[in-house]
Structure formats: structure tokens, C-alpha cells
């Protein structure tokens, strides 16, 4: 990408979009276009078309999505499939209509079958049943991948799809009802420490294995792939390393400094038994993550304390 190129980052206020914007600015890209959801409703085809006609971006990072953890995915099933389908369909189609040079679409590791062999290879897409608790979200993301493939097939568009593993980092969502496991545990352990609670409850058995990638490493990978990758097939972005939820909880407990006990609520769902990405394709392209999990959790916790846990001051 030319340093003066006009780059639209959809979803710039989210964890992923904000990381992409930071990395673009660090790399010298200053002609960034952003819109909040109140300024531009990506679910509106008319609004999206007007925006693209007016702004005429050269490149698009499609990081806008309705996201959440197991509870949110399973509770707001209709919203998750509708909002995500509409946003990606409108942005991808407008990118084709208005001559965008290249688009990068961000999917999710939940697109892979629940019982797919581990680690998850890109070719496992659509080879089995999805995890039931988040299949509306997964189906929407699969549709986005297929849109990018189809627009490449029919119109020759340089649209690529990347599949990040579980993410965490700056500007994460710490709402206990709707967040993912890692930020939820950071908040739980912090509040338990502050309140002097004797224990913290973790959903499920603690046995599922998960892979976690620092969002700034994902952003680095996205910029790298925007410059180097132009294939039809999707590409995984992850670390290639996983950890049990129990091990994750113990790691966060140590970082936060909580000295109480862990309790596992086995009445709550575990979700997919294991989700580990095969990142050999990414490594062959020449990219590897930089931030190890312990270091990343420390960075995320410092961000949480500044933005979400700062004491309320009165005048």
C-alpha cells in the first residue's frame, strides 16, 4: 500500500479495528477513514453505498462485527446473524462497486467444525457441524469468506479473508455478560482482589483448550498480509500454541495478584473442546507473533486498570 493511500478501517473503535489503526499510523499511513456506528450504519446498504461513493477508499480493512462470548452468541442469535451478514455484505459489495484495490475481511476461528481435527487447517472449513452455541455468528462469517471468494471468482476483486484465533488486548470488552473468557477473567480476578473475595468462579470444567493472540500482533499480521497475500483461500492468524482454561485462569490470577481460590461451575457450557489454529501457512508467508501470553495479559491488565477500573473521583 502506498503511504498516501486512502484506507478505510471498518470497526475502528473495537479492539481489532483500533489495533489496526494504531499499526497503520505507526507505519506512516495517515490517510485513514473511519466512521462510528452512529455516523454510518453498516447494516444500511444505502448508507454504505453513499459513504463509498463519497470517500472512494483505496483499501478496506473489514473489522466491523457484532461479537461476544458464549453467552452473548447463544442469547442474541438473531442479532448476531443479521447484523454480521448485513455489515459484511454491504461493505464487500460496495468495495466491488466503487473500485477498492484490496479488501481484507476478518473472520473468526469459530467458522471451523466443532469436532474438526486439531490443529485447525484452512481446508477444514465446511467439513462438519458447527458449535451450536455460536453457529449464527459462524454462518455469517463463513458467508463473508464465500463472498470474498465469489467476488474474486466473478469480478477479479483482490479480496482476502483472514481467520484470527481468540483475541485479547487494548480496548477489549470487559462486560461479564457479553465478553470473551480472557477479559472476563481479568475483570473477575481484579474485582475479587479489590473486594477481598475468597474465591472466583470460572465457567465450565476448565478443561477446554484455547489459543490466544494479542490484538496488536493480529494487526501487524493484517498489514503484512495486505501487502504480501493475494490468494483466494483464507489464511489463519494465531500463535499455534494453546492452553487450558484452568491454566489461563491461574496465569491471570497470578498477573492480577488475586490470592483466593478457583471454583469451576460445571453447570455452565464448555463450548468447543479445543480450538488451536494451524498457522503453518502464515509462517510460510514469513509472519510470526511477537507477544507471548504472559506478557500480553500484563499489558491488557494495565489497560483494563486505566480504562475500566480507575477509581471514581469527585470534585
C-alpha atoms as a PDB file:
ATOM      1  CA  UNK A   1       0.000   0.000   0.000  1.00  0.00           C
ATOM      2  CA  UNK A   2       1.230   3.472  -0.856  1.00  0.00           C
ATOM      3  CA  UNK A   3       1.688   5.608   2.288  1.00  0.00           C
ATOM      4  CA  UNK A   4      -0.766   8.171   0.872  1.00  0.00           C
ATOM      5  CA  UNK A   5      -3.420   5.564   0.025  1.00  0.00           C
ATOM      6  CA  UNK A   6      -6.908   6.179   1.372  1.00  0.00           C
ATOM      7  CA  UNK A   7      -7.594   3.384   3.857  1.00  0.00           C
ATOM      8  CA  UNK A   8     -10.985   2.666   5.404  1.00  0.00           C
ATOM      9  CA  UNK A   9     -10.921   0.737   8.691  1.00  0.00           C
ATOM     10  CA  UNK A  10     -14.450  -0.506   9.411  1.00  0.00           C
ATOM     11  CA  UNK A  11     -14.911  -1.047  13.130  1.00  0.00           C
ATOM     12  CA  UNK A  12     -12.100   1.293  14.187  1.00  0.00           C
ATOM     13  CA  UNK A  13     -13.288   1.673  17.784  1.00  0.00           C
ATOM     14  CA  UNK A  14     -13.277  -2.047  18.535  1.00  0.00           C
ATOM     15  CA  UNK A  15     -10.295  -3.956  19.854  1.00  0.00           C
ATOM     16  CA  UNK A  16      -9.208  -5.208  16.421  1.00  0.00           C
ATOM     17  CA  UNK A  17     -10.012  -2.082  14.415  1.00  0.00           C
ATOM     18  CA  UNK A  18      -8.286   0.224  16.892  1.00  0.00           C
ATOM     19  CA  UNK A  19      -5.190  -2.007  16.821  1.00  0.00           C
ATOM     20  CA  UNK A  20      -5.147  -1.873  13.007  1.00  0.00           C
ATOM     21  CA  UNK A  21      -5.444   1.933  13.092  1.00  0.00           C
ATOM     22  CA  UNK A  22      -2.560   2.173  15.595  1.00  0.00           C
ATOM     23  CA  UNK A  23      -0.329  -0.046  13.472  1.00  0.00           C
ATOM     24  CA  UNK A  24      -1.191   1.834  10.262  1.00  0.00           C
ATOM     25  CA  UNK A  25      -0.287   5.164  11.873  1.00  0.00           C
ATOM     26  CA  UNK A  26       2.934   3.697  13.287  1.00  0.00           C
ATOM     27  CA  UNK A  27       3.842   2.544   9.757  1.00  0.00           C
ATOM     28  CA  UNK A  28       3.294   6.045   8.345  1.00  0.00           C
ATOM     29  CA  UNK A  29      -0.224   5.705   6.892  1.00  0.00           C
ATOM     30  CA  UNK A  30      -2.073   8.910   7.744  1.00  0.00           C
ATOM     31  CA  UNK A  31      -4.903   8.985   5.204  1.00  0.00           C
ATOM     32  CA  UNK A  32      -7.271   6.837   7.297  1.00  0.00           C
ATOM     33  CA  UNK A  33     -11.046   6.991   7.005  1.00  0.00           C
ATOM     34  CA  UNK A  34     -13.171   5.988   9.975  1.00  0.00           C
ATOM     35  CA  UNK A  35     -16.813   6.274  10.969  1.00  0.00           C
ATOM     36  CA  UNK A  36     -18.543   5.391  14.228  1.00  0.00           C
ATOM     37  CA  UNK A  37     -21.644   3.204  14.079  1.00  0.00           C
ATOM     38  CA  UNK A  38     -23.767   6.261  14.865  1.00  0.00           C
ATOM     39  CA  UNK A  39     -22.213   8.114  11.910  1.00  0.00           C
ATOM     40  CA  UNK A  40     -22.503   5.182   9.485  1.00  0.00           C
ATOM     41  CA  UNK A  41     -24.828   2.206   9.976  1.00  0.00           C
ATOM     42  CA  UNK A  42     -23.084  -0.564   8.053  1.00  0.00           C
ATOM     43  CA  UNK A  43     -26.333  -2.554   8.063  1.00  0.00           C
ATOM     44  CA  UNK A  44     -27.814   0.038   5.680  1.00  0.00           C
ATOM     45  CA  UNK A  45     -26.958  -0.635   2.048  1.00  0.00           C
ATOM     46  CA  UNK A  46     -27.899   2.911   1.044  1.00  0.00           C
ATOM     47  CA  UNK A  47     -25.742   4.487   3.734  1.00  0.00           C
ATOM     48  CA  UNK A  48     -22.749   2.280   2.893  1.00  0.00           C
ATOM     49  CA  UNK A  49     -23.043   2.981  -0.844  1.00  0.00           C
ATOM     50  CA  UNK A  50     -23.231   6.730  -0.236  1.00  0.00           C
ATOM     51  CA  UNK A  51     -20.177   6.547   2.024  1.00  0.00           C
ATOM     52  CA  UNK A  52     -18.101   4.624  -0.556  1.00  0.00           C
ATOM     53  CA  UNK A  53     -19.236   6.898  -3.397  1.00  0.00           C
ATOM     54  CA  UNK A  54     -18.185   9.968  -1.399  1.00  0.00           C
ATOM     55  CA  UNK A  55     -14.950   8.736   0.169  1.00  0.00           C
ATOM     56  CA  UNK A  56     -13.686   6.324  -2.535  1.00  0.00           C
ATOM     57  CA  UNK A  57     -11.254   4.357  -0.317  1.00  0.00           C
ATOM     58  CA  UNK A  58      -8.348   2.516  -1.964  1.00  0.00           C
ATOM     59  CA  UNK A  59      -8.082  -0.192   0.705  1.00  0.00           C
ATOM     60  CA  UNK A  60     -10.531  -1.637   3.232  1.00  0.00           C
ATOM     61  CA  UNK A  61      -9.932  -3.492   6.489  1.00  0.00           C
ATOM     62  CA  UNK A  62     -13.297  -5.026   7.385  1.00  0.00           C
ATOM     63  CA  UNK A  63     -13.023  -5.421  11.163  1.00  0.00           C
ATOM     64  CA  UNK A  64     -16.568  -4.304  11.997  1.00  0.00           C
ATOM     65  CA  UNK A  65     -18.658  -7.071  13.569  1.00  0.00           C
ATOM     66  CA  UNK A  66     -21.089  -7.825  16.334  1.00  0.00           C
ATOM     67  CA  UNK A  67     -19.058 -10.014  18.687  1.00  0.00           C
ATOM     68  CA  UNK A  68     -19.286 -11.658  22.098  1.00  0.00           C
ATOM     69  CA  UNK A  69     -18.634 -14.761  24.150  1.00  0.00           C
ATOM     70  CA  UNK A  70     -20.665 -17.970  24.550  1.00  0.00           C
ATOM     71  CA  UNK A  71     -23.496 -16.292  26.476  1.00  0.00           C
ATOM     72  CA  UNK A  72     -23.913 -13.388  24.045  1.00  0.00           C
ATOM     73  CA  UNK A  73     -23.674 -15.619  20.959  1.00  0.00           C
ATOM     74  CA  UNK A  74     -26.261 -18.036  22.301  1.00  0.00           C
ATOM     75  CA  UNK A  75     -28.654 -15.376  23.644  1.00  0.00           C
ATOM     76  CA  UNK A  76     -28.693 -12.870  20.758  1.00  0.00           C
ATOM     77  CA  UNK A  77     -28.653 -15.408  17.939  1.00  0.00           C
ATOM     78  CA  UNK A  78     -30.836 -13.416  15.524  1.00  0.00           C
ATOM     79  CA  UNK A  79     -28.873 -10.192  16.059  1.00  0.00           C
ATOM     80  CA  UNK A  80     -25.553 -11.984  15.551  1.00  0.00           C
ATOM     81  CA  UNK A  81     -26.508 -13.472  12.193  1.00  0.00           C
ATOM     82  CA  UNK A  82     -28.454 -10.454  10.853  1.00  0.00           C
ATOM     83  CA  UNK A  83     -26.067  -7.687  11.877  1.00  0.00           C
ATOM     84  CA  UNK A  84     -22.952  -9.507  10.699  1.00  0.00           C
ATOM     85  CA  UNK A  85     -24.458 -10.634   7.385  1.00  0.00           C
ATOM     86  CA  UNK A  86     -25.704  -7.159   6.570  1.00  0.00           C
ATOM     87  CA  UNK A  87     -22.475  -5.360   7.513  1.00  0.00           C
ATOM     88  CA  UNK A  88     -20.141  -7.622   5.548  1.00  0.00           C
ATOM     89  CA  UNK A  89     -22.440  -7.913   2.526  1.00  0.00           C
ATOM     90  CA  UNK A  90     -22.824  -4.147   2.228  1.00  0.00           C
ATOM     91  CA  UNK A  91     -19.120  -3.346   2.670  1.00  0.00           C
ATOM     92  CA  UNK A  92     -17.870  -6.128   0.363  1.00  0.00           C
ATOM     93  CA  UNK A  93     -20.351  -5.274  -2.381  1.00  0.00           C
ATOM     94  CA  UNK A  94     -19.677  -1.525  -2.127  1.00  0.00           C
ATOM     95  CA  UNK A  95     -15.939  -2.222  -2.283  1.00  0.00           C
ATOM     96  CA  UNK A  96     -16.506  -4.016  -5.590  1.00  0.00           C
ATOM     97  CA  UNK A  97     -18.875  -1.352  -6.932  1.00  0.00           C
ATOM     98  CA  UNK A  98     -16.535   1.527  -6.120  1.00  0.00           C
ATOM     99  CA  UNK A  99     -13.243   0.014  -7.251  1.00  0.00           C
ATOM    100  CA  UNK A 100     -11.475  -0.728  -3.964  1.00  0.00           C
ATOM    101  CA  UNK A 101      -7.981  -2.065  -4.789  1.00  0.00           C
ATOM    102  CA  UNK A 102      -7.889  -4.578  -1.974  1.00  0.00           C
ATOM    103  CA  UNK A 103     -10.097  -5.654   0.941  1.00  0.00           C
ATOM    104  CA  UNK A 104      -9.149  -7.724   3.987  1.00  0.00           C
ATOM    105  CA  UNK A 105     -12.053  -9.488   5.713  1.00  0.00           C
ATOM    106  CA  UNK A 106     -11.644 -10.650   9.298  1.00  0.00           C
ATOM    107  CA  UNK A 107     -13.419 -13.869  10.168  1.00  0.00           C
ATOM    108  CA  UNK A 108     -13.227 -15.972  13.320  1.00  0.00           C
ATOM    109  CA  UNK A 109     -11.911 -19.359  14.363  1.00  0.00           C
ATOM    110  CA  UNK A 110     -15.487 -20.421  15.189  1.00  0.00           C
ATOM    111  CA  UNK A 111     -16.055 -20.969  11.446  1.00  0.00           C
ATOM    112  CA  UNK A 112     -14.445 -24.395  11.792  1.00  0.00           C
ATOM    113  CA  UNK A 113     -16.446 -27.543  12.645  1.00  0.00           C
ATOM    114  CA  UNK A 114     -16.837 -28.252  16.375  1.00  0.00           C
ATOM    115  CA  UNK A 115     -15.127 -31.639  16.144  1.00  0.00           C
ATOM    116  CA  UNK A 116     -12.594 -30.810  13.414  1.00  0.00           C
ATOM    117  CA  UNK A 117      -9.145 -32.384  13.793  1.00  0.00           C
ATOM    118  CA  UNK A 118      -6.618 -30.266  15.681  1.00  0.00           C
ATOM    119  CA  UNK A 119      -4.831 -28.071  14.870  1.00  0.00           C
ATOM    120  CA  UNK A 120      -7.359 -26.392  12.569  1.00  0.00           C
ATOM    121  CA  UNK A 121      -6.218 -26.255   8.955  1.00  0.00           C
ATOM    122  CA  UNK A 122      -7.781 -23.814   6.492  1.00  0.00           C
ATOM    123  CA  UNK A 123      -9.140 -26.669   4.369  1.00  0.00           C
ATOM    124  CA  UNK A 124     -11.328 -27.929   7.265  1.00  0.00           C
ATOM    125  CA  UNK A 125     -13.885 -25.190   6.542  1.00  0.00           C
ATOM    126  CA  UNK A 126     -17.362 -26.674   5.904  1.00  0.00           C
ATOM    127  CA  UNK A 127     -16.304 -30.266   6.612  1.00  0.00           C
ATOM    128  CA  UNK A 128     -18.579 -30.797   9.636  1.00  0.00           C
ATOM    129  CA  UNK A 129     -21.180 -29.407  12.049  1.00  0.00           C
ATOM    130  CA  UNK A 130     -20.506 -26.107  13.837  1.00  0.00           C
ATOM    131  CA  UNK A 131     -20.537 -25.459  17.576  1.00  0.00           C
ATOM    132  CA  UNK A 132     -24.237 -24.959  18.322  1.00  0.00           C
ATOM    133  CA  UNK A 133     -23.853 -22.069  20.774  1.00  0.00           C
ATOM    134  CA  UNK A 134     -22.354 -19.719  18.161  1.00  0.00           C
ATOM    135  CA  UNK A 135     -23.395 -21.133  14.797  1.00  0.00           C
ATOM    136  CA  UNK A 136     -25.362 -17.970  13.749  1.00  0.00           C
ATOM    137  CA  UNK A 137     -22.170 -15.911  14.088  1.00  0.00           C
ATOM    138  CA  UNK A 138     -20.093 -18.629  12.410  1.00  0.00           C
ATOM    139  CA  UNK A 139     -22.505 -18.911   9.466  1.00  0.00           C
ATOM    140  CA  UNK A 140     -22.357 -15.129   8.975  1.00  0.00           C
ATOM    141  CA  UNK A 141     -18.547 -15.194   8.959  1.00  0.00           C
ATOM    142  CA  UNK A 142     -18.493 -18.147   6.543  1.00  0.00           C
ATOM    143  CA  UNK A 143     -20.774 -16.142   4.243  1.00  0.00           C
ATOM    144  CA  UNK A 144     -18.237 -13.296   4.322  1.00  0.00           C
ATOM    145  CA  UNK A 145     -15.435 -15.672   3.324  1.00  0.00           C
ATOM    146  CA  UNK A 146     -17.539 -17.039   0.471  1.00  0.00           C
ATOM    147  CA  UNK A 147     -18.411 -13.505  -0.658  1.00  0.00           C
ATOM    148  CA  UNK A 148     -14.706 -12.630  -0.897  1.00  0.00           C
ATOM    149  CA  UNK A 149     -14.035 -15.836  -2.843  1.00  0.00           C
ATOM    150  CA  UNK A 150     -17.013 -15.279  -5.143  1.00  0.00           C
ATOM    151  CA  UNK A 151     -16.222 -11.634  -5.908  1.00  0.00           C
ATOM    152  CA  UNK A 152     -12.667 -12.714  -6.733  1.00  0.00           C
ATOM    153  CA  UNK A 153     -14.007 -15.530  -8.980  1.00  0.00           C
ATOM    154  CA  UNK A 154     -16.565 -13.453 -10.873  1.00  0.00           C
ATOM    155  CA  UNK A 155     -15.167  -9.917 -10.808  1.00  0.00           C
ATOM    156  CA  UNK A 156     -11.444 -10.416 -10.188  1.00  0.00           C
ATOM    157  CA  UNK A 157     -11.545  -8.482  -6.899  1.00  0.00           C
ATOM    158  CA  UNK A 158      -8.461  -8.743  -4.711  1.00  0.00           C
ATOM    159  CA  UNK A 159     -10.440  -9.572  -1.567  1.00  0.00           C
ATOM    160  CA  UNK A 160      -8.739 -11.765   1.047  1.00  0.00           C
ATOM    161  CA  UNK A 161     -10.027 -13.453   4.221  1.00  0.00           C
ATOM    162  CA  UNK A 162      -8.082 -13.966   7.424  1.00  0.00           C
ATOM    163  CA  UNK A 163      -9.158 -16.106  10.375  1.00  0.00           C
ATOM    164  CA  UNK A 164      -7.889 -14.856  13.750  1.00  0.00           C
ATOM    165  CA  UNK A 165      -7.792 -17.107  16.776  1.00  0.00           C
ATOM    166  CA  UNK A 166      -9.163 -15.889  20.150  1.00  0.00           C
ATOM    167  CA  UNK A 167      -8.043 -12.297  20.682  1.00  0.00           C
ATOM    168  CA  UNK A 168      -7.358 -10.053  23.654  1.00  0.00           C
ATOM    169  CA  UNK A 169      -5.649  -6.730  24.224  1.00  0.00           C
ATOM    170  CA  UNK A 170      -6.199  -2.986  24.423  1.00  0.00           C
ATOM    171  CA  UNK A 171      -9.837  -1.781  24.200  1.00  0.00           C
ATOM    172  CA  UNK A 172     -11.227  -5.240  24.947  1.00  0.00           C
ATOM    173  CA  UNK A 173     -14.820  -5.798  26.113  1.00  0.00           C
ATOM    174  CA  UNK A 174     -14.997  -6.476  29.867  1.00  0.00           C
ATOM    175  CA  UNK A 175     -18.778  -6.803  30.211  1.00  0.00           C
ATOM    176  CA  UNK A 176     -19.240 -10.036  32.180  1.00  0.00           C
ATOM    177  CA  UNK A 177     -22.420 -10.954  30.276  1.00  0.00           C
ATOM    178  CA  UNK A 178     -21.068 -10.436  26.765  1.00  0.00           C
ATOM    179  CA  UNK A 179     -17.264 -10.687  26.893  1.00  0.00           C
ATOM    180  CA  UNK A 180     -14.872 -13.464  25.938  1.00  0.00           C
ATOM    181  CA  UNK A 181     -13.196 -15.657  28.536  1.00  0.00           C
ATOM    182  CA  UNK A 182      -9.847 -13.887  28.917  1.00  0.00           C
ATOM    183  CA  UNK A 183     -11.135 -10.327  29.530  1.00  0.00           C
ATOM    184  CA  UNK A 184     -13.949 -11.704  31.688  1.00  0.00           C
ATOM    185  CA  UNK A 185     -11.391 -13.446  33.906  1.00  0.00           C
ATOM    186  CA  UNK A 186      -9.239 -10.308  34.149  1.00  0.00           C
ATOM    187  CA  UNK A 187     -12.243  -8.384  35.433  1.00  0.00           C
ATOM    188  CA  UNK A 188     -13.389 -11.190  37.765  1.00  0.00           C
ATOM    189  CA  UNK A 189      -9.975 -11.576  39.387  1.00  0.00           C
ATOM    190  CA  UNK A 190      -9.470  -7.812  39.668  1.00  0.00           C
ATOM    191  CA  UNK A 191     -12.860  -7.258  41.337  1.00  0.00           C
ATOM    192  CA  UNK A 192     -12.358 -10.252  43.626  1.00  0.00           C
ATOM    193  CA  UNK A 193      -8.985  -8.860  44.680  1.00  0.00           C
ATOM    194  CA  UNK A 194     -10.409  -5.369  45.269  1.00  0.00           C
ATOM    195  CA  UNK A 195     -13.399  -6.730  47.221  1.00  0.00           C
ATOM    196  CA  UNK A 196     -11.395  -9.240  49.267  1.00  0.00           C
ATOM    197  CA  UNK A 197     -13.449 -12.154  47.906  1.00  0.00           C
ATOM    198  CA  UNK A 198     -12.279 -15.634  48.937  1.00  0.00           C
ATOM    199  CA  UNK A 199     -12.894 -17.246  45.544  1.00  0.00           C
ATOM    200  CA  UNK A 200     -13.506 -16.665  41.821  1.00  0.00           C
ATOM    201  CA  UNK A 201     -15.920 -18.808  39.807  1.00  0.00           C
ATOM    202  CA  UNK A 202     -14.896 -19.888  36.306  1.00  0.00           C
ATOM    203  CA  UNK A 203     -17.459 -21.177  33.811  1.00  0.00           C
ATOM    204  CA  UNK A 204     -17.234 -24.845  32.788  1.00  0.00           C
ATOM    205  CA  UNK A 205     -14.779 -27.550  33.762  1.00  0.00           C
ATOM    206  CA  UNK A 206     -11.573 -25.683  32.937  1.00  0.00           C
ATOM    207  CA  UNK A 207     -10.507 -28.459  30.565  1.00  0.00           C
ATOM    208  CA  UNK A 208     -11.165 -26.896  27.093  1.00  0.00           C
ATOM    209  CA  UNK A 209      -8.004 -25.738  25.353  1.00  0.00           C
ATOM    210  CA  UNK A 210      -7.819 -22.314  23.746  1.00  0.00           C
ATOM    211  CA  UNK A 211      -5.288 -20.281  21.793  1.00  0.00           C
ATOM    212  CA  UNK A 212      -4.932 -16.548  22.437  1.00  0.00           C
ATOM    213  CA  UNK A 213      -3.367 -13.844  20.267  1.00  0.00           C
ATOM    214  CA  UNK A 214      -2.603 -10.280  21.331  1.00  0.00           C
ATOM    215  CA  UNK A 215      -4.674  -7.952  19.114  1.00  0.00           C
ATOM    216  CA  UNK A 216      -1.680  -5.799  18.163  1.00  0.00           C
ATOM    217  CA  UNK A 217       0.023  -8.924  16.783  1.00  0.00           C
ATOM    218  CA  UNK A 218      -3.115  -9.579  14.729  1.00  0.00           C
ATOM    219  CA  UNK A 219      -2.964  -6.010  13.418  1.00  0.00           C
ATOM    220  CA  UNK A 220       0.686  -6.500  12.429  1.00  0.00           C
ATOM    221  CA  UNK A 221      -0.314  -9.688  10.599  1.00  0.00           C
ATOM    222  CA  UNK A 222      -3.161  -7.899   8.790  1.00  0.00           C
ATOM    223  CA  UNK A 223      -0.845  -5.163   7.496  1.00  0.00           C
ATOM    224  CA  UNK A 224       1.710  -7.792   6.493  1.00  0.00           C
ATOM    225  CA  UNK A 225      -0.898  -9.860   4.607  1.00  0.00           C
ATOM    226  CA  UNK A 226      -2.429  -6.814   2.935  1.00  0.00           C
ATOM    227  CA  UNK A 227       0.990  -6.282   1.342  1.00  0.00           C
ATOM    228  CA  UNK A 228       2.028  -9.887   0.690  1.00  0.00           C
ATOM    229  CA  UNK A 229      -1.024 -12.159   0.370  1.00  0.00           C
ATOM    230  CA  UNK A 230      -3.432 -12.256  -2.576  1.00  0.00           C
ATOM    231  CA  UNK A 231      -4.832 -15.782  -2.651  1.00  0.00           C
ATOM    232  CA  UNK A 232      -8.425 -16.963  -2.886  1.00  0.00           C
ATOM    233  CA  UNK A 233      -8.169 -19.226   0.147  1.00  0.00           C
ATOM    234  CA  UNK A 234      -8.500 -17.946   3.690  1.00  0.00           C
ATOM    235  CA  UNK A 235      -5.451 -17.844   5.973  1.00  0.00           C
ATOM    236  CA  UNK A 236      -5.291 -18.489   9.735  1.00  0.00           C
ATOM    237  CA  UNK A 237      -3.725 -15.961  12.107  1.00  0.00           C
ATOM    238  CA  UNK A 238      -2.684 -17.259  15.510  1.00  0.00           C
ATOM    239  CA  UNK A 239       0.207 -18.392  17.659  1.00  0.00           C
ATOM    240  CA  UNK A 240      -0.013 -22.142  17.057  1.00  0.00           C
ATOM    241  CA  UNK A 241       0.063 -22.646  20.852  1.00  0.00           C
ATOM    242  CA  UNK A 242      -2.836 -23.347  23.236  1.00  0.00           C
ATOM    243  CA  UNK A 243      -3.560 -23.562  26.959  1.00  0.00           C
ATOM    244  CA  UNK A 244      -6.393 -24.984  29.102  1.00  0.00           C
ATOM    245  CA  UNK A 245      -8.934 -22.568  30.581  1.00  0.00           C
ATOM    246  CA  UNK A 246      -7.738 -23.647  34.031  1.00  0.00           C
ATOM    247  CA  UNK A 247      -4.128 -22.809  33.122  1.00  0.00           C
ATOM    248  CA  UNK A 248      -5.298 -19.483  31.694  1.00  0.00           C
ATOM    249  CA  UNK A 249      -7.207 -18.693  34.899  1.00  0.00           C
ATOM    250  CA  UNK A 250      -4.152 -19.477  37.023  1.00  0.00           C
ATOM    251  CA  UNK A 251      -1.984 -17.251  34.796  1.00  0.00           C
ATOM    252  CA  UNK A 252      -4.423 -14.321  35.063  1.00  0.00           C
ATOM    253  CA  UNK A 253      -4.775 -14.927  38.817  1.00  0.00           C
ATOM    254  CA  UNK A 254      -1.000 -14.536  39.147  1.00  0.00           C
ATOM    255  CA  UNK A 255      -0.823 -11.396  36.951  1.00  0.00           C
ATOM    256  CA  UNK A 256      -3.683  -9.711  38.848  1.00  0.00           C
ATOM    257  CA  UNK A 257      -2.329 -10.803  42.233  1.00  0.00           C
ATOM    258  CA  UNK A 258      -5.510 -12.500  43.495  1.00  0.00           C
ATOM    259  CA  UNK A 259      -4.746 -14.861  46.391  1.00  0.00           C
ATOM    260  CA  UNK A 260      -8.094 -16.647  46.788  1.00  0.00           C
ATOM    261  CA  UNK A 261      -9.366 -19.929  45.362  1.00  0.00           C
ATOM    262  CA  UNK A 262     -10.647 -21.010  41.926  1.00  0.00           C
ATOM    263  CA  UNK A 263     -14.077 -22.669  41.651  1.00  0.00           C
ATOM    264  CA  UNK A 264     -15.335 -24.247  38.423  1.00  0.00           C
ATOM    265  CA  UNK A 265     -19.086 -24.051  37.684  1.00  0.00           C
ATOM    266  CA  UNK A 266     -19.592 -27.268  35.717  1.00  0.00           C
ATOM    267  CA  UNK A 267     -23.262 -26.437  35.088  1.00  0.00           C
ATOM    268  CA  UNK A 268     -22.066 -23.837  32.561  1.00  0.00           C
ATOM    269  CA  UNK A 269     -21.137 -24.891  28.994  1.00  0.00           C
ATOM    270  CA  UNK A 270     -17.545 -25.544  27.958  1.00  0.00           C
ATOM    271  CA  UNK A 271     -18.087 -24.886  24.257  1.00  0.00           C
ATOM    272  CA  UNK A 272     -15.746 -26.481  21.743  1.00  0.00           C
ATOM    273  CA  UNK A 273     -13.270 -28.902  23.438  1.00  0.00           C
ATOM    274  CA  UNK A 274     -10.263 -27.454  21.642  1.00  0.00           C
ATOM    275  CA  UNK A 275      -9.580 -24.651  19.175  1.00  0.00           C
ATOM    276  CA  UNK A 276      -5.985 -24.473  18.009  1.00  0.00           C
ATOM    277  CA  UNK A 277      -5.048 -22.907  14.693  1.00  0.00           C
ATOM    278  CA  UNK A 278      -2.659 -24.472  12.229  1.00  0.00           C
ATOM    279  CA  UNK A 279      -0.573 -21.412  11.360  1.00  0.00           C
ATOM    280  CA  UNK A 280       1.974 -23.125   9.106  1.00  0.00           C
ATOM    281  CA  UNK A 281       0.600 -21.220   6.085  1.00  0.00           C
ATOM    282  CA  UNK A 282       1.104 -17.891   7.905  1.00  0.00           C
ATOM    283  CA  UNK A 283       4.596 -18.878   8.996  1.00  0.00           C
ATOM    284  CA  UNK A 284       5.484 -19.806   5.414  1.00  0.00           C
ATOM    285  CA  UNK A 285       4.398 -16.314   4.361  1.00  0.00           C
ATOM    286  CA  UNK A 286       7.020 -15.016   6.772  1.00  0.00           C
ATOM    287  CA  UNK A 287       4.990 -13.834   9.784  1.00  0.00           C
ATOM    288  CA  UNK A 288       5.149 -14.940  13.434  1.00  0.00           C
ATOM    289  CA  UNK A 289       3.540 -13.417  16.525  1.00  0.00           C
ATOM    290  CA  UNK A 290       5.734 -11.414  18.903  1.00  0.00           C
ATOM    291  CA  UNK A 291       3.772 -11.111  22.163  1.00  0.00           C
ATOM    292  CA  UNK A 292       3.746 -14.148  24.448  1.00  0.00           C
ATOM    293  CA  UNK A 293       0.634 -14.788  26.548  1.00  0.00           C
ATOM    294  CA  UNK A 294       2.011 -13.823  29.970  1.00  0.00           C
ATOM    295  CA  UNK A 295       3.395 -10.543  28.644  1.00  0.00           C
ATOM    296  CA  UNK A 296       0.181  -9.805  26.738  1.00  0.00           C
ATOM    297  CA  UNK A 297      -2.021 -10.402  29.789  1.00  0.00           C
ATOM    298  CA  UNK A 298       0.111  -7.925  31.766  1.00  0.00           C
ATOM    299  CA  UNK A 299      -0.364  -5.306  29.020  1.00  0.00           C
ATOM    300  CA  UNK A 300      -4.115  -5.987  28.838  1.00  0.00           C
ATOM    301  CA  UNK A 301      -4.464  -5.789  32.623  1.00  0.00           C
ATOM    302  CA  UNK A 302      -2.674  -2.434  32.749  1.00  0.00           C
ATOM    303  CA  UNK A 303      -5.042  -1.157  30.030  1.00  0.00           C
ATOM    304  CA  UNK A 304      -8.038  -2.509  31.980  1.00  0.00           C
ATOM    305  CA  UNK A 305      -6.939  -0.738  35.164  1.00  0.00           C
ATOM    306  CA  UNK A 306      -6.535   2.590  33.366  1.00  0.00           C
ATOM    307  CA  UNK A 307      -9.733   2.482  31.306  1.00  0.00           C
ATOM    308  CA  UNK A 308     -12.205   0.370  33.268  1.00  0.00           C
ATOM    309  CA  UNK A 309     -11.083   0.118  36.871  1.00  0.00           C
ATOM    310  CA  UNK A 310      -9.892   3.651  37.614  1.00  0.00           C
ATOM    311  CA  UNK A 311     -11.330   4.975  40.887  1.00  0.00           C
ATOM    312  CA  UNK A 312     -14.213   7.424  40.593  1.00  0.00           C
ATOM    313  CA  UNK A 313     -13.156  10.898  41.682  1.00  0.00           C
ATOM    314  CA  UNK A 314     -15.489  13.591  42.933  1.00  0.00           C
ATOM    315  CA  UNK A 315     -14.925  17.323  42.671  1.00  0.00           C
END
